[in-house]
Amino acid sequence: MRGYRGVKYTLFIFCYFFWVVSAILIAVGIYAKIAREKDVVDTLTVDPALLLIVVGSVMFLITFLGCFGALRNTICLLKMFLGLLVAILLLQIAAAFVGYFFTDTVMERTERLMMKAIERYREDQDLENAIDFIQKKFQCCGVESYKNWSRNAYFECSDTNPSLEACGVPFSCCIRLQNQTVLNTMCGYGMQQVEEKLARQDIFTIGCLDKIVWWAKHNLLLVAGLTAGLLLLEVCMIALAAGQICWIKKVLQHQERKAAQSKSERKESLWFPPFADFDD
C-alpha cells in the first residue's frame, strides 16, 4: 500500500507543478494580449502572447487530467492523461527524426518564419521585444545577414521610404561598448548602406539563424541534456500513470473476486444438507 501511495502522490506532485506553470503561462499570455494597444498580429507562429495562451491551455488540460485522475483514482482520466503523454512523446520523436533527415527543409521553413517575424517587427510589441532579445543574446542581426531588415517596411532601403529608420537596423543589432551607460537607439541608422567590413565595427552582421545553429552545435551537451531530461520526465510520468492504472485494476479485480466469493458463500449457507431431518 505504501508503494501505491508513493506512485500516486509522486504523479500528483509532478502534474500539480506543471499545472501551476501552465496557469502562469496562460495568465502572462492573456495579460500581454489585453495590455496591447492594438491587436495587429493574430497568427500563432509570430504572436508570442497567443503562443503562450495556446501552449499553456494544452498543458493545463493535460496536467488537470493527471492531477484529478491521480488524486481521485479515476482510471478513465488516467488513461486519457497517459494517451496524451504518449502521443506527445511520439510527436517529439517524430519531429526529431524529421529534423535530422530533412534538415534542409526544416531550415528553409525556419528561415521563412523568421523572415515573417522581421516583416512584422513594428506591428507587435511582444514580437519586437522577442526579436530584440534574440539579437542581443546571440549577437546577431537579421536572419541571414543584417541586410534582411530591408524586408521590413520601416527599415526598407529605398528612395520612396519616408521612414527615418530607412536603410537602418534596430538598435538591438548594435555592438554595445563596455563603458557605455546611455543606450543609443539611433546607432543602426543607415547601416544597410555601409559595406559589411565597415558595418562590422558598429553592428552585428551575422544572421541569427546561423548564430543559433552555431550556438546549438557548440553547446550540444547542454541541448542534449535538456532534451534528454524532458523526455525522461515524460517517460517517468507515463510510467507512474501506467503503474497507478495497473494498481487500481488489481484492487478492483480483488474486490470483485472477494464480492463474488462472499456472494457464493451466502448462497451455500441457504442450502440444506441432504437427508436433513426437518422434524428435529
Protein backbone atom coordinates (compact mmCIF):
# COMPACT_ATOMS: atom_id res chain seq x y z
CA MET A 1 0.00 0.00 0.00
CA ARG A 2 2.90 2.36 0.69
CA GLY A 3 4.24 1.77 -2.81
CA TYR A 4 0.87 2.69 -4.29
CA ARG A 5 0.70 5.90 -2.28
CA GLY A 6 4.22 6.79 -3.41
CA VAL A 7 3.28 6.33 -7.07
CA LYS A 8 0.01 8.21 -6.63
CA TYR A 9 1.37 11.28 -4.85
CA THR A 10 4.56 11.47 -6.94
CA LEU A 11 2.43 11.64 -10.09
CA PHE A 12 0.15 14.19 -8.43
CA ILE A 13 3.10 16.44 -7.44
CA PHE A 14 4.56 16.34 -10.97
CA CYS A 15 1.21 17.14 -12.54
CA TYR A 16 0.42 19.85 -10.00
CA PHE A 17 3.75 21.59 -10.66
CA PHE A 18 3.18 21.71 -14.41
CA TRP A 19 -0.45 22.65 -13.82
CA VAL A 20 0.67 25.76 -11.91
CA VAL A 21 3.27 26.56 -14.61
CA SER A 22 0.60 26.27 -17.32
CA ALA A 23 -1.72 28.59 -15.37
CA ILE A 24 1.09 31.17 -15.15
CA LEU A 25 1.71 30.89 -18.91
CA ILE A 26 -1.97 31.46 -19.63
CA ALA A 27 -2.10 34.45 -17.26
CA VAL A 28 1.00 36.05 -18.81
CA GLY A 29 -0.34 35.47 -22.33
CA ILE A 30 -3.75 36.95 -21.51
CA TYR A 31 -2.16 39.94 -19.78
CA ALA A 32 0.09 40.58 -22.81
CA LYS A 33 -2.92 40.27 -25.11
CA ILE A 34 -5.05 42.69 -23.09
CA ALA A 35 -2.26 45.19 -22.38
CA ARG A 36 -1.50 45.57 -26.09
CA GLU A 37 -2.89 48.79 -27.53
CA LYS A 38 -3.90 47.26 -30.85
CA ASP A 39 -4.13 43.66 -31.94
CA VAL A 40 -2.48 43.52 -35.34
CA VAL A 41 -0.61 40.24 -35.18
CA ASP A 42 -3.03 37.39 -34.59
CA THR A 43 -1.22 34.37 -36.04
CA LEU A 44 0.10 31.63 -33.79
CA THR A 45 3.53 31.48 -35.45
CA VAL A 46 4.50 35.10 -34.86
CA ASP A 47 2.42 36.15 -31.84
CA PRO A 48 4.24 35.29 -28.56
CA ALA A 49 1.18 36.11 -26.42
CA LEU A 50 -1.12 33.84 -28.43
CA LEU A 51 1.54 31.12 -28.40
CA LEU A 52 1.76 31.30 -24.58
CA ILE A 53 -2.03 31.03 -24.27
CA VAL A 54 -2.26 28.00 -26.59
CA VAL A 55 0.69 26.14 -25.03
CA GLY A 56 -0.50 26.97 -21.51
CA SER A 57 -4.05 25.81 -22.29
CA VAL A 58 -2.85 22.46 -23.67
CA MET A 59 -0.58 21.94 -20.64
CA PHE A 60 -3.40 22.97 -18.29
CA LEU A 61 -5.81 20.42 -19.77
CA ILE A 62 -3.31 17.54 -19.75
CA THR A 63 -1.99 18.20 -16.24
CA PHE A 64 -5.53 18.68 -14.90
CA LEU A 65 -6.40 15.19 -16.11
CA GLY A 66 -3.28 13.85 -14.40
CA CYS A 67 -3.90 15.72 -11.12
CA PHE A 68 -7.56 14.83 -10.80
CA GLY A 69 -7.09 11.28 -12.08
CA ALA A 70 -4.22 10.54 -9.70
CA LEU A 71 -5.93 12.11 -6.69
CA ARG A 72 -9.34 10.50 -7.24
CA ASN A 73 -8.05 7.17 -8.61
CA THR A 74 -10.10 7.63 -11.79
CA ILE A 75 -8.97 5.14 -14.44
CA CYS A 76 -10.73 6.99 -17.28
CA LEU A 77 -8.90 10.27 -16.63
CA LEU A 78 -5.59 8.50 -16.07
CA LYS A 79 -5.96 6.68 -19.38
CA MET A 80 -6.67 9.96 -21.18
CA PHE A 81 -3.64 11.54 -19.49
CA LEU A 82 -1.48 8.55 -20.41
CA GLY A 83 -2.66 8.56 -24.02
CA LEU A 84 -1.98 12.28 -24.46
CA LEU A 85 1.50 11.97 -22.97
CA VAL A 86 2.33 9.02 -25.22
CA ALA A 87 1.05 10.96 -28.25
CA ILE A 88 3.19 14.00 -27.34
CA LEU A 89 6.24 11.79 -26.81
CA LEU A 90 5.77 10.11 -30.19
CA LEU A 91 5.32 13.51 -31.88
CA GLN A 92 8.57 14.74 -30.31
CA ILE A 93 10.44 11.64 -31.50
CA ALA A 94 8.94 12.03 -34.98
CA ALA A 95 9.93 15.72 -35.03
CA ALA A 96 13.49 14.77 -34.08
CA PHE A 97 13.68 12.25 -36.95
CA VAL A 98 12.23 14.77 -39.41
CA GLY A 99 14.68 17.43 -38.26
CA TYR A 100 17.60 15.03 -38.64
CA PHE A 101 16.71 13.53 -42.02
CA PHE A 102 15.16 16.66 -43.56
CA THR A 103 17.48 19.32 -42.20
CA ASP A 104 17.38 21.48 -45.32
CA THR A 105 13.59 21.57 -45.36
CA VAL A 106 13.42 22.43 -41.66
CA MET A 107 16.00 25.19 -42.06
CA GLU A 108 14.08 26.60 -45.02
CA ARG A 109 10.80 26.65 -43.08
CA THR A 110 12.54 28.23 -40.09
CA GLU A 111 14.05 30.89 -42.31
CA ARG A 112 10.62 31.74 -43.73
CA LEU A 113 9.16 32.00 -40.25
CA MET A 114 11.95 34.30 -39.07
CA MET A 115 11.61 36.46 -42.20
CA LYS A 116 7.88 36.79 -41.49
CA ALA A 117 8.68 37.88 -37.95
CA ILE A 118 11.06 40.54 -39.28
CA GLU A 119 8.37 41.86 -41.61
CA ARG A 120 6.01 42.29 -38.63
CA TYR A 121 8.66 43.73 -36.29
CA ARG A 122 7.00 47.07 -35.57
CA GLU A 123 3.45 45.75 -35.62
CA ASP A 124 3.58 43.91 -32.30
CA GLN A 125 5.40 44.99 -29.12
CA ASP A 126 5.81 41.44 -27.80
CA LEU A 127 7.28 40.21 -31.08
CA GLU A 128 9.56 43.24 -31.20
CA ASN A 129 10.85 42.55 -27.68
CA ALA A 130 11.40 38.87 -28.53
CA ILE A 131 13.44 39.71 -31.65
CA ASP A 132 15.48 42.33 -29.76
CA PHE A 133 16.21 39.79 -27.02
CA ILE A 134 17.39 37.18 -29.54
CA GLN A 135 19.61 39.64 -31.40
CA LYS A 136 21.19 40.86 -28.15
CA LYS A 137 21.58 37.37 -26.68
CA PHE A 138 23.15 35.76 -29.75
CA GLN A 139 24.85 38.94 -31.01
CA CYS A 140 23.30 38.70 -34.44
CA CYS A 141 21.25 40.80 -36.83
CA GLY A 142 18.56 39.71 -39.27
CA VAL A 143 18.05 36.14 -40.45
CA GLU A 144 20.96 35.56 -42.84
CA SER A 145 22.57 38.99 -42.57
CA TYR A 146 21.87 42.50 -41.32
CA LYS A 147 20.54 43.49 -44.77
CA ASN A 148 17.50 41.24 -44.25
CA TRP A 149 15.98 44.17 -42.36
CA SER A 150 15.19 45.74 -45.72
CA ARG A 151 12.22 43.31 -45.75
CA ASN A 152 10.60 45.41 -43.03
CA ALA A 153 8.54 48.42 -44.15
CA TYR A 154 10.22 50.75 -41.63
CA PHE A 155 13.80 49.69 -42.46
CA GLU A 156 13.33 49.16 -46.20
CA CYS A 157 16.23 50.66 -48.10
CA SER A 158 14.55 52.55 -50.93
CA ASP A 159 14.20 56.16 -52.03
CA THR A 160 10.43 56.04 -51.62
CA ASN A 161 10.56 55.01 -47.96
CA PRO A 162 9.69 58.08 -45.82
CA SER A 163 10.69 56.38 -42.53
CA LEU A 164 13.55 57.88 -40.52
CA GLU A 165 14.81 54.31 -39.98
CA ALA A 166 15.07 53.61 -43.73
CA CYS A 167 18.23 51.65 -44.66
CA GLY A 168 18.86 51.06 -40.96
CA VAL A 169 18.68 48.21 -38.46
CA PRO A 170 17.18 48.01 -34.93
CA PHE A 171 19.29 49.18 -32.01
CA SER A 172 19.49 45.57 -30.76
CA CYS A 173 21.90 44.89 -33.65
CA CYS A 174 24.39 47.46 -32.35
CA ILE A 175 27.60 46.50 -30.59
CA ARG A 176 27.42 47.96 -27.12
CA LEU A 177 30.64 49.33 -25.66
CA GLN A 178 31.78 48.17 -22.23
CA ASN A 179 31.71 51.62 -20.65
CA GLN A 180 28.53 52.72 -22.42
CA THR A 181 25.86 53.77 -19.92
CA VAL A 182 23.35 55.50 -22.20
CA LEU A 183 21.74 53.37 -24.91
CA ASN A 184 21.95 54.92 -28.37
CA THR A 185 18.76 53.85 -30.15
CA MET A 186 19.86 55.54 -33.37
CA CYS A 187 23.11 53.60 -33.71
CA GLY A 188 21.73 51.41 -36.52
CA TYR A 189 20.58 54.22 -38.80
CA GLY A 190 21.82 53.89 -42.39
CA MET A 191 23.83 50.72 -41.70
CA GLN A 192 22.39 48.81 -44.68
CA GLN A 193 24.16 51.24 -47.00
CA VAL A 194 27.52 50.54 -45.37
CA GLU A 195 29.77 47.71 -46.54
CA GLU A 196 29.95 44.70 -44.26
CA LYS A 197 33.60 45.29 -43.31
CA LEU A 198 32.81 48.80 -42.07
CA ALA A 199 29.42 47.90 -40.60
CA ARG A 200 31.02 45.14 -38.54
CA GLN A 201 32.66 47.81 -36.40
CA ASP A 202 29.31 49.16 -35.17
CA ILE A 203 26.73 46.36 -35.54
CA PHE A 204 26.48 42.58 -35.62
CA THR A 205 26.42 41.47 -39.25
CA ILE A 206 25.97 37.70 -38.88
CA GLY A 207 22.40 36.41 -39.26
CA CYS A 208 20.58 34.99 -36.25
CA LEU A 209 19.76 31.68 -37.93
CA ASP A 210 23.42 30.81 -38.46
CA LYS A 211 24.29 32.08 -34.98
CA ILE A 212 21.61 29.95 -33.29
CA VAL A 213 22.73 26.85 -35.22
CA TRP A 214 26.35 27.60 -34.29
CA TRP A 215 25.38 28.00 -30.61
CA ALA A 216 23.45 24.70 -30.65
CA LYS A 217 26.42 22.84 -32.16
CA HIS A 218 28.89 24.29 -29.65
CA ASN A 219 26.54 23.61 -26.73
CA LEU A 220 25.49 20.16 -27.85
CA LEU A 221 25.86 18.63 -24.39
CA LEU A 222 23.58 21.26 -22.85
CA VAL A 223 20.97 20.89 -25.60
CA ALA A 224 21.15 17.09 -25.43
CA GLY A 225 20.94 17.16 -21.63
CA LEU A 226 17.85 19.39 -21.61
CA THR A 227 16.17 17.30 -24.30
CA ALA A 228 17.01 14.04 -22.53
CA GLY A 229 15.78 15.48 -19.22
CA LEU A 230 12.46 16.48 -20.75
CA LEU A 231 11.99 13.09 -22.40
CA LEU A 232 12.97 11.29 -19.18
CA LEU A 233 10.44 13.34 -17.23
CA GLU A 234 7.72 12.46 -19.71
CA VAL A 235 8.67 8.77 -19.59
CA CYS A 236 8.59 8.85 -15.77
CA MET A 237 5.12 10.40 -15.77
CA ILE A 238 3.95 7.81 -18.31
CA ALA A 239 5.34 5.01 -16.13
CA LEU A 240 3.74 6.44 -12.99
CA ALA A 241 0.36 6.79 -14.69
CA ALA A 242 0.57 3.26 -16.13
CA GLY A 243 1.62 1.90 -12.73
CA GLN A 244 -1.28 3.56 -10.94
CA ILE A 245 -3.74 2.28 -13.55
CA CYS A 246 -2.45 -1.30 -13.12
CA TRP A 247 -2.61 -0.99 -9.34
CA ILE A 248 -6.20 0.29 -9.40
CA LYS A 249 -7.21 -2.54 -11.76
CA LYS A 250 -5.66 -5.13 -9.43
CA VAL A 251 -7.54 -3.68 -6.45
CA LEU A 252 -10.81 -3.66 -8.38
CA GLN A 253 -10.29 -7.25 -9.55
CA HIS A 254 -9.51 -8.32 -5.97
CA GLN A 255 -12.67 -6.59 -4.73
CA GLU A 256 -14.74 -8.27 -7.47
CA ARG A 257 -13.34 -11.71 -6.59
CA LYS A 258 -13.95 -11.07 -2.93
CA ALA A 259 -17.52 -9.91 -3.62
CA ALA A 260 -18.18 -12.95 -5.83
CA GLN A 261 -16.75 -15.27 -3.16
CA SER A 262 -18.86 -13.75 -0.39
CA LYS A 263 -21.94 -13.99 -2.63
CA SER A 264 -21.34 -17.69 -3.29
CA GLU A 265 -20.84 -18.29 0.43
CA ARG A 266 -24.17 -16.64 1.18
CA LYS A 267 -25.85 -18.91 -1.39
CA GLU A 268 -24.26 -22.03 0.11
CA SER A 269 -25.42 -21.06 3.57
CA LEU A 270 -29.05 -21.17 2.32
CA TRP A 271 -28.74 -24.76 1.00
CA PHE A 272 -29.91 -27.61 3.21
CA PRO A 273 -27.79 -30.68 3.75
CA PRO A 274 -29.01 -33.87 2.05
CA PHE A 275 -31.37 -36.13 4.02
CA ALA A 276 -31.95 -33.38 6.55
CA ASP A 277 -34.43 -34.25 9.28
CA PHE A 278 -36.83 -31.32 9.39
CA ASP A 279 -38.82 -32.90 12.28
CA ASP A 280 -35.96 -32.13 14.64
